[in-house]
């Protein structure tokens, strides 16, 4: 992805806010990196606009300083419920806890309007920019790390029917209290639905359901956009 005005603006905001907090707390960069659990080179990249931290890392940095995420990345909704927009961007429902934490069990992620909001560039969202049937979260775990590394930002889109899914689609599904992200496969001949990992860790195994046992499973949505830092 090439740099664009929105991306550079966001990197500047984050860099300036981190430097401000370093000065306030009289903290060295190496100490921040250690406390936040990130490499010194990664922090240097954030400060020098070469990249932006993932949303999970933003939370870790904010925790080190004892501040809100908005004090590091002001593209989040602030306490006055106002959203700071970048040009050519839209706001979306955002669930900061990540999918594996089970936060979606008690909410409707597509209609709830009292959760955090996140502003994302239309360049990032592509054809899904402004789509109201999308919510944003991030990955907790390594079961899809061949394609979506841990803590990557993902956009999940609501769908009407299981018939809207194609074999190999990446979906978010829920069985009881467990939330997971896997590839979806439907075998009508064997009447089996499989959720398959795509991981370098071979300990993750496919999860199979016979049609008659599928009633307790809820497919929350399809992953249509994800970010990967290189």
C-alpha atoms as a PDB file:
ATOM      1  CA  UNK A   1       0.000   0.000   0.000  1.00  0.00           C
ATOM      2  CA  UNK A   2       1.387   3.395  -0.947  1.00  0.00           C
ATOM      3  CA  UNK A   3       1.380   6.279   1.494  1.00  0.00           C
ATOM      4  CA  UNK A   4      -1.567   8.695   1.185  1.00  0.00           C
ATOM      5  CA  UNK A   5      -2.476  11.939   2.914  1.00  0.00           C
ATOM      6  CA  UNK A   6      -4.696  10.240   5.511  1.00  0.00           C
ATOM      7  CA  UNK A   7      -2.037   7.660   6.397  1.00  0.00           C
ATOM      8  CA  UNK A   8       0.712  10.257   6.783  1.00  0.00           C
ATOM      9  CA  UNK A   9      -1.576  12.515   8.844  1.00  0.00           C
ATOM     10  CA  UNK A  10      -2.414   9.664  11.216  1.00  0.00           C
ATOM     11  CA  UNK A  11       1.261   8.722  11.593  1.00  0.00           C
ATOM     12  CA  UNK A  12       2.121  12.333  12.435  1.00  0.00           C
ATOM     13  CA  UNK A  13      -0.623  12.484  15.071  1.00  0.00           C
ATOM     14  CA  UNK A  14       0.573   9.277  16.731  1.00  0.00           C
ATOM     15  CA  UNK A  15       4.242  10.281  16.592  1.00  0.00           C
ATOM     16  CA  UNK A  16       3.582  13.722  18.089  1.00  0.00           C
ATOM     17  CA  UNK A  17       1.413  12.295  20.860  1.00  0.00           C
ATOM     18  CA  UNK A  18       3.960   9.630  21.807  1.00  0.00           C
ATOM     19  CA  UNK A  19       6.740  12.222  21.921  1.00  0.00           C
ATOM     20  CA  UNK A  20       4.528  14.474  24.032  1.00  0.00           C
ATOM     21  CA  UNK A  21       3.896  11.685  26.550  1.00  0.00           C
ATOM     22  CA  UNK A  22       7.581  10.767  26.638  1.00  0.00           C
ATOM     23  CA  UNK A  23       8.373  14.365  27.576  1.00  0.00           C
ATOM     24  CA  UNK A  24       5.604  14.564  30.174  1.00  0.00           C
ATOM     25  CA  UNK A  25       6.746  11.362  31.859  1.00  0.00           C
ATOM     26  CA  UNK A  26      10.454  12.037  31.281  1.00  0.00           C
ATOM     27  CA  UNK A  27      10.729   8.565  29.850  1.00  0.00           C
ATOM     28  CA  UNK A  28      13.338   7.261  27.436  1.00  0.00           C
ATOM     29  CA  UNK A  29      12.246   5.567  24.231  1.00  0.00           C
ATOM     30  CA  UNK A  30      13.943   2.316  25.188  1.00  0.00           C
ATOM     31  CA  UNK A  31      12.025   2.256  28.483  1.00  0.00           C
ATOM     32  CA  UNK A  32       8.711   2.783  26.689  1.00  0.00           C
ATOM     33  CA  UNK A  33       9.515  -0.012  24.258  1.00  0.00           C
ATOM     34  CA  UNK A  34      10.309  -2.428  27.098  1.00  0.00           C
ATOM     35  CA  UNK A  35       7.204  -1.556  29.123  1.00  0.00           C
ATOM     36  CA  UNK A  36       4.917  -1.761  26.079  1.00  0.00           C
ATOM     37  CA  UNK A  37       6.450  -5.056  24.947  1.00  0.00           C
ATOM     38  CA  UNK A  38       7.561  -3.774  21.546  1.00  0.00           C
ATOM     39  CA  UNK A  39      10.963  -3.567  19.875  1.00  0.00           C
ATOM     40  CA  UNK A  40      13.013  -0.373  19.944  1.00  0.00           C
ATOM     41  CA  UNK A  41      13.139  -0.438  16.127  1.00  0.00           C
ATOM     42  CA  UNK A  42       9.336  -0.628  15.914  1.00  0.00           C
ATOM     43  CA  UNK A  43       8.987   2.373  18.229  1.00  0.00           C
ATOM     44  CA  UNK A  44      11.539   4.252  16.126  1.00  0.00           C
ATOM     45  CA  UNK A  45       9.450   3.523  13.040  1.00  0.00           C
ATOM     46  CA  UNK A  46       6.344   4.968  14.746  1.00  0.00           C
ATOM     47  CA  UNK A  47       8.165   8.098  15.829  1.00  0.00           C
ATOM     48  CA  UNK A  48       9.742   8.666  12.426  1.00  0.00           C
ATOM     49  CA  UNK A  49       6.528   8.088  10.425  1.00  0.00           C
ATOM     50  CA  UNK A  50       7.745   4.920   8.730  1.00  0.00           C
ATOM     51  CA  UNK A  51       4.756   2.947  10.054  1.00  0.00           C
ATOM     52  CA  UNK A  52       1.860   3.189  12.488  1.00  0.00           C
ATOM     53  CA  UNK A  53       1.278   0.889  15.473  1.00  0.00           C
ATOM     54  CA  UNK A  54      -1.555  -1.620  15.378  1.00  0.00           C
ATOM     55  CA  UNK A  55      -4.555  -0.810  17.532  1.00  0.00           C
ATOM     56  CA  UNK A  56      -3.475  -3.385  20.088  1.00  0.00           C
ATOM     57  CA  UNK A  57      -0.070  -1.706  20.365  1.00  0.00           C
ATOM     58  CA  UNK A  58      -1.714   1.713  20.720  1.00  0.00           C
ATOM     59  CA  UNK A  59      -3.577   0.349  23.747  1.00  0.00           C
ATOM     60  CA  UNK A  60      -0.311  -0.985  25.233  1.00  0.00           C
ATOM     61  CA  UNK A  61       1.428   2.379  24.770  1.00  0.00           C
ATOM     62  CA  UNK A  62      -1.536   4.215  26.285  1.00  0.00           C
ATOM     63  CA  UNK A  63      -1.479   1.827  29.265  1.00  0.00           C
ATOM     64  CA  UNK A  64       2.212   2.556  29.886  1.00  0.00           C
ATOM     65  CA  UNK A  65       1.485   6.276  30.095  1.00  0.00           C
ATOM     66  CA  UNK A  66      -1.785   5.810  31.978  1.00  0.00           C
ATOM     67  CA  UNK A  67      -3.769   7.687  29.331  1.00  0.00           C
ATOM     68  CA  UNK A  68      -6.657   6.989  26.942  1.00  0.00           C
ATOM     69  CA  UNK A  69      -6.184   5.648  23.433  1.00  0.00           C
ATOM     70  CA  UNK A  70      -7.389   9.009  22.141  1.00  0.00           C
ATOM     71  CA  UNK A  71      -4.354  10.612  23.747  1.00  0.00           C
ATOM     72  CA  UNK A  72      -2.180   8.512  21.435  1.00  0.00           C
ATOM     73  CA  UNK A  73      -4.405   8.108  18.373  1.00  0.00           C
ATOM     74  CA  UNK A  74      -7.095  10.757  18.076  1.00  0.00           C
ATOM     75  CA  UNK A  75      -8.918   8.878  15.310  1.00  0.00           C
ATOM     76  CA  UNK A  76     -10.759   7.139  18.161  1.00  0.00           C
ATOM     77  CA  UNK A  77     -13.955   8.683  19.534  1.00  0.00           C
ATOM     78  CA  UNK A  78     -13.275  11.053  22.397  1.00  0.00           C
ATOM     79  CA  UNK A  79     -15.207  11.415  25.666  1.00  0.00           C
ATOM     80  CA  UNK A  80     -17.536  14.029  24.173  1.00  0.00           C
ATOM     81  CA  UNK A  81     -18.706  11.497  21.606  1.00  0.00           C
ATOM     82  CA  UNK A  82     -17.280  13.577  18.774  1.00  0.00           C
ATOM     83  CA  UNK A  83     -15.275  11.863  16.067  1.00  0.00           C
ATOM     84  CA  UNK A  84     -12.188  13.446  14.577  1.00  0.00           C
ATOM     85  CA  UNK A  85     -12.457  12.713  10.856  1.00  0.00           C
ATOM     86  CA  UNK A  86      -9.672  12.545   8.350  1.00  0.00           C
ATOM     87  CA  UNK A  87     -10.458  13.482   4.774  1.00  0.00           C
ATOM     88  CA  UNK A  88     -12.169  10.726   2.781  1.00  0.00           C
ATOM     89  CA  UNK A  89     -12.850   8.548   5.815  1.00  0.00           C
ATOM     90  CA  UNK A  90     -15.747   6.960   7.707  1.00  0.00           C
ATOM     91  CA  UNK A  91     -16.391   5.851  11.283  1.00  0.00           C
ATOM     92  CA  UNK A  92     -17.288   2.289  12.278  1.00  0.00           C
ATOM     93  CA  UNK A  93     -18.242   0.400  15.430  1.00  0.00           C
ATOM     94  CA  UNK A  94     -15.053  -0.868  17.033  1.00  0.00           C
ATOM     95  CA  UNK A  95     -14.636  -3.654  19.602  1.00  0.00           C
ATOM     96  CA  UNK A  96     -11.279  -3.163  21.267  1.00  0.00           C
ATOM     97  CA  UNK A  97     -11.248  -6.372  23.312  1.00  0.00           C
ATOM     98  CA  UNK A  98     -10.633  -8.516  20.247  1.00  0.00           C
ATOM     99  CA  UNK A  99     -12.755 -11.419  19.147  1.00  0.00           C
ATOM    100  CA  UNK A 100     -11.365 -14.146  21.371  1.00  0.00           C
ATOM    101  CA  UNK A 101     -12.333 -12.198  24.507  1.00  0.00           C
ATOM    102  CA  UNK A 102     -16.016 -12.984  23.917  1.00  0.00           C
ATOM    103  CA  UNK A 103     -17.156  -9.368  23.946  1.00  0.00           C
ATOM    104  CA  UNK A 104     -19.638  -9.997  21.134  1.00  0.00           C
ATOM    105  CA  UNK A 105     -21.721 -12.430  23.155  1.00  0.00           C
ATOM    106  CA  UNK A 106     -23.817  -9.694  24.748  1.00  0.00           C
ATOM    107  CA  UNK A 107     -24.073  -7.159  21.931  1.00  0.00           C
ATOM    108  CA  UNK A 108     -25.199  -6.796  18.354  1.00  0.00           C
ATOM    109  CA  UNK A 109     -21.984  -5.591  16.714  1.00  0.00           C
ATOM    110  CA  UNK A 110     -23.768  -4.213  13.659  1.00  0.00           C
ATOM    111  CA  UNK A 111     -26.382  -2.036  15.348  1.00  0.00           C
ATOM    112  CA  UNK A 112     -25.065  -1.097  18.779  1.00  0.00           C
ATOM    113  CA  UNK A 113     -24.418   2.655  18.858  1.00  0.00           C
ATOM    114  CA  UNK A 114     -22.901   3.157  22.306  1.00  0.00           C
ATOM    115  CA  UNK A 115     -19.592   1.432  21.689  1.00  0.00           C
ATOM    116  CA  UNK A 116     -16.276   2.918  20.622  1.00  0.00           C
ATOM    117  CA  UNK A 117     -15.956   4.319  17.139  1.00  0.00           C
ATOM    118  CA  UNK A 118     -12.929   4.171  14.911  1.00  0.00           C
ATOM    119  CA  UNK A 119     -12.245   6.303  11.846  1.00  0.00           C
ATOM    120  CA  UNK A 120     -10.643   4.545   8.886  1.00  0.00           C
ATOM    121  CA  UNK A 121      -9.542   5.903   5.558  1.00  0.00           C
ATOM    122  CA  UNK A 122     -11.676   5.012   2.556  1.00  0.00           C
ATOM    123  CA  UNK A 123      -8.441   3.947   0.883  1.00  0.00           C
ATOM    124  CA  UNK A 124      -8.023   1.212   3.494  1.00  0.00           C
ATOM    125  CA  UNK A 125     -11.646   0.076   3.318  1.00  0.00           C
ATOM    126  CA  UNK A 126     -11.852   0.130  -0.474  1.00  0.00           C
ATOM    127  CA  UNK A 127     -15.282  -0.832  -1.828  1.00  0.00           C
ATOM    128  CA  UNK A 128     -16.531  -1.342   1.752  1.00  0.00           C
ATOM    129  CA  UNK A 129     -15.947   2.301   2.716  1.00  0.00           C
ATOM    130  CA  UNK A 130     -18.912   3.602   4.707  1.00  0.00           C
ATOM    131  CA  UNK A 131     -20.673   0.213   4.753  1.00  0.00           C
ATOM    132  CA  UNK A 132     -23.060   0.178   7.743  1.00  0.00           C
ATOM    133  CA  UNK A 133     -23.079  -3.623   7.849  1.00  0.00           C
ATOM    134  CA  UNK A 134     -19.462  -3.687   9.019  1.00  0.00           C
ATOM    135  CA  UNK A 135     -17.810  -3.570  12.417  1.00  0.00           C
ATOM    136  CA  UNK A 136     -14.104  -3.460  13.222  1.00  0.00           C
ATOM    137  CA  UNK A 137     -12.085  -5.508  15.681  1.00  0.00           C
ATOM    138  CA  UNK A 138      -8.660  -7.089  15.857  1.00  0.00           C
ATOM    139  CA  UNK A 139      -7.316 -10.613  15.998  1.00  0.00           C
ATOM    140  CA  UNK A 140      -6.327 -12.273  19.255  1.00  0.00           C
ATOM    141  CA  UNK A 141      -4.453 -15.470  18.483  1.00  0.00           C
ATOM    142  CA  UNK A 142      -2.382 -17.318  15.923  1.00  0.00           C
ATOM    143  CA  UNK A 143      -4.846 -19.693  14.217  1.00  0.00           C
ATOM    144  CA  UNK A 144      -4.877 -17.617  10.999  1.00  0.00           C
ATOM    145  CA  UNK A 145      -1.349 -16.235  11.105  1.00  0.00           C
ATOM    146  CA  UNK A 146      -0.428 -17.389   7.599  1.00  0.00           C
ATOM    147  CA  UNK A 147      -2.741 -14.683   6.263  1.00  0.00           C
ATOM    148  CA  UNK A 148      -3.794 -12.541   9.261  1.00  0.00           C
ATOM    149  CA  UNK A 149      -1.137 -12.074  11.968  1.00  0.00           C
ATOM    150  CA  UNK A 150      -2.064 -11.644  15.620  1.00  0.00           C
ATOM    151  CA  UNK A 151      -3.402  -8.142  16.480  1.00  0.00           C
ATOM    152  CA  UNK A 152      -4.197  -7.339  12.849  1.00  0.00           C
ATOM    153  CA  UNK A 153      -7.166  -5.040  12.315  1.00  0.00           C
ATOM    154  CA  UNK A 154     -10.118  -6.740  10.614  1.00  0.00           C
ATOM    155  CA  UNK A 155     -13.433  -5.599   9.152  1.00  0.00           C
ATOM    156  CA  UNK A 156     -16.348  -8.040   9.540  1.00  0.00           C
ATOM    157  CA  UNK A 157     -19.381  -7.737   7.272  1.00  0.00           C
ATOM    158  CA  UNK A 158     -22.855  -8.998   8.054  1.00  0.00           C
ATOM    159  CA  UNK A 159     -24.368 -11.480   5.621  1.00  0.00           C
ATOM    160  CA  UNK A 160     -27.921 -12.670   5.052  1.00  0.00           C
ATOM    161  CA  UNK A 161     -27.516 -16.415   4.592  1.00  0.00           C
ATOM    162  CA  UNK A 162     -24.924 -19.152   4.753  1.00  0.00           C
ATOM    163  CA  UNK A 163     -25.543 -19.482   1.029  1.00  0.00           C
ATOM    164  CA  UNK A 164     -23.813 -16.096   0.639  1.00  0.00           C
ATOM    165  CA  UNK A 165     -20.535 -17.691   1.717  1.00  0.00           C
ATOM    166  CA  UNK A 166     -18.015 -19.326  -0.605  1.00  0.00           C
ATOM    167  CA  UNK A 167     -15.642 -22.107   0.368  1.00  0.00           C
ATOM    168  CA  UNK A 168     -12.413 -20.572   1.610  1.00  0.00           C
ATOM    169  CA  UNK A 169     -14.036 -17.378   2.915  1.00  0.00           C
ATOM    170  CA  UNK A 170     -12.642 -16.173   6.245  1.00  0.00           C
ATOM    171  CA  UNK A 171     -15.445 -15.897   8.799  1.00  0.00           C
ATOM    172  CA  UNK A 172     -15.981 -15.054  12.446  1.00  0.00           C
ATOM    173  CA  UNK A 173     -18.110 -17.684  14.142  1.00  0.00           C
ATOM    174  CA  UNK A 174     -19.336 -18.415  17.626  1.00  0.00           C
ATOM    175  CA  UNK A 175     -20.101 -21.716  19.340  1.00  0.00           C
ATOM    176  CA  UNK A 176     -21.328 -21.108  22.882  1.00  0.00           C
ATOM    177  CA  UNK A 177     -18.818 -18.824  24.567  1.00  0.00           C
ATOM    178  CA  UNK A 178     -16.032 -19.277  22.042  1.00  0.00           C
ATOM    179  CA  UNK A 179     -15.320 -16.826  19.234  1.00  0.00           C
ATOM    180  CA  UNK A 180     -12.981 -17.786  16.430  1.00  0.00           C
ATOM    181  CA  UNK A 181     -11.757 -16.757  12.989  1.00  0.00           C
ATOM    182  CA  UNK A 182     -11.359 -19.544  10.444  1.00  0.00           C
ATOM    183  CA  UNK A 183     -11.829 -20.418   6.800  1.00  0.00           C
ATOM    184  CA  UNK A 184     -15.312 -21.682   5.961  1.00  0.00           C
ATOM    185  CA  UNK A 185     -16.013 -24.839   3.949  1.00  0.00           C
ATOM    186  CA  UNK A 186     -19.413 -26.387   3.211  1.00  0.00           C
ATOM    187  CA  UNK A 187     -19.617 -29.959   1.895  1.00  0.00           C
ATOM    188  CA  UNK A 188     -23.271 -30.599   0.958  1.00  0.00           C
ATOM    189  CA  UNK A 189     -22.514 -34.169  -0.141  1.00  0.00           C
ATOM    190  CA  UNK A 190     -21.171 -35.178   3.274  1.00  0.00           C
ATOM    191  CA  UNK A 191     -23.413 -32.616   5.009  1.00  0.00           C
ATOM    192  CA  UNK A 192     -20.475 -31.260   6.970  1.00  0.00           C
ATOM    193  CA  UNK A 193     -19.401 -27.683   7.613  1.00  0.00           C
ATOM    194  CA  UNK A 194     -15.728 -27.169   8.429  1.00  0.00           C
ATOM    195  CA  UNK A 195     -13.964 -24.195   9.986  1.00  0.00           C
ATOM    196  CA  UNK A 196     -10.308 -24.568   9.090  1.00  0.00           C
ATOM    197  CA  UNK A 197      -7.266 -22.711  10.495  1.00  0.00           C
ATOM    198  CA  UNK A 198      -4.640 -21.217   8.215  1.00  0.00           C
ATOM    199  CA  UNK A 199      -1.656 -21.168  10.524  1.00  0.00           C
ATOM    200  CA  UNK A 200       2.030 -21.951  10.651  1.00  0.00           C
ATOM    201  CA  UNK A 201       1.243 -23.645  13.967  1.00  0.00           C
ATOM    202  CA  UNK A 202       0.154 -27.187  13.088  1.00  0.00           C
ATOM    203  CA  UNK A 203      -1.433 -27.670  16.529  1.00  0.00           C
ATOM    204  CA  UNK A 204      -4.513 -25.802  15.278  1.00  0.00           C
ATOM    205  CA  UNK A 205      -6.946 -28.298  13.810  1.00  0.00           C
ATOM    206  CA  UNK A 206     -10.090 -27.985  11.664  1.00  0.00           C
ATOM    207  CA  UNK A 207     -13.442 -27.933  13.461  1.00  0.00           C
ATOM    208  CA  UNK A 208     -16.169 -30.009  11.817  1.00  0.00           C
ATOM    209  CA  UNK A 209     -19.931 -29.878  12.308  1.00  0.00           C
ATOM    210  CA  UNK A 210     -22.538 -32.171  10.862  1.00  0.00           C
ATOM    211  CA  UNK A 211     -25.553 -30.308   9.554  1.00  0.00           C
ATOM    212  CA  UNK A 212     -27.738 -31.663  12.350  1.00  0.00           C
ATOM    213  CA  UNK A 213     -25.280 -30.357  14.983  1.00  0.00           C
ATOM    214  CA  UNK A 214     -24.862 -26.901  13.465  1.00  0.00           C
ATOM    215  CA  UNK A 215     -27.816 -25.263  15.213  1.00  0.00           C
ATOM    216  CA  UNK A 216     -25.740 -23.947  18.135  1.00  0.00           C
ATOM    217  CA  UNK A 217     -23.218 -22.264  15.846  1.00  0.00           C
ATOM    218  CA  UNK A 218     -23.596 -18.619  14.833  1.00  0.00           C
ATOM    219  CA  UNK A 219     -21.578 -17.190  11.965  1.00  0.00           C
ATOM    220  CA  UNK A 220     -21.180 -13.563  13.009  1.00  0.00           C
ATOM    221  CA  UNK A 221     -19.853 -12.290   9.712  1.00  0.00           C
ATOM    222  CA  UNK A 222     -17.332 -12.505   6.917  1.00  0.00           C
ATOM    223  CA  UNK A 223     -13.889 -10.885   7.130  1.00  0.00           C
ATOM    224  CA  UNK A 224     -13.735  -8.574   4.118  1.00  0.00           C
ATOM    225  CA  UNK A 225     -10.757  -6.338   4.977  1.00  0.00           C
ATOM    226  CA  UNK A 226      -7.685  -6.947   7.094  1.00  0.00           C
ATOM    227  CA  UNK A 227      -4.447  -5.072   7.631  1.00  0.00           C
ATOM    228  CA  UNK A 228      -1.003  -6.630   7.643  1.00  0.00           C
ATOM    229  CA  UNK A 229       2.164  -4.773   8.627  1.00  0.00           C
ATOM    230  CA  UNK A 230       5.259  -5.729   6.626  1.00  0.00           C
END
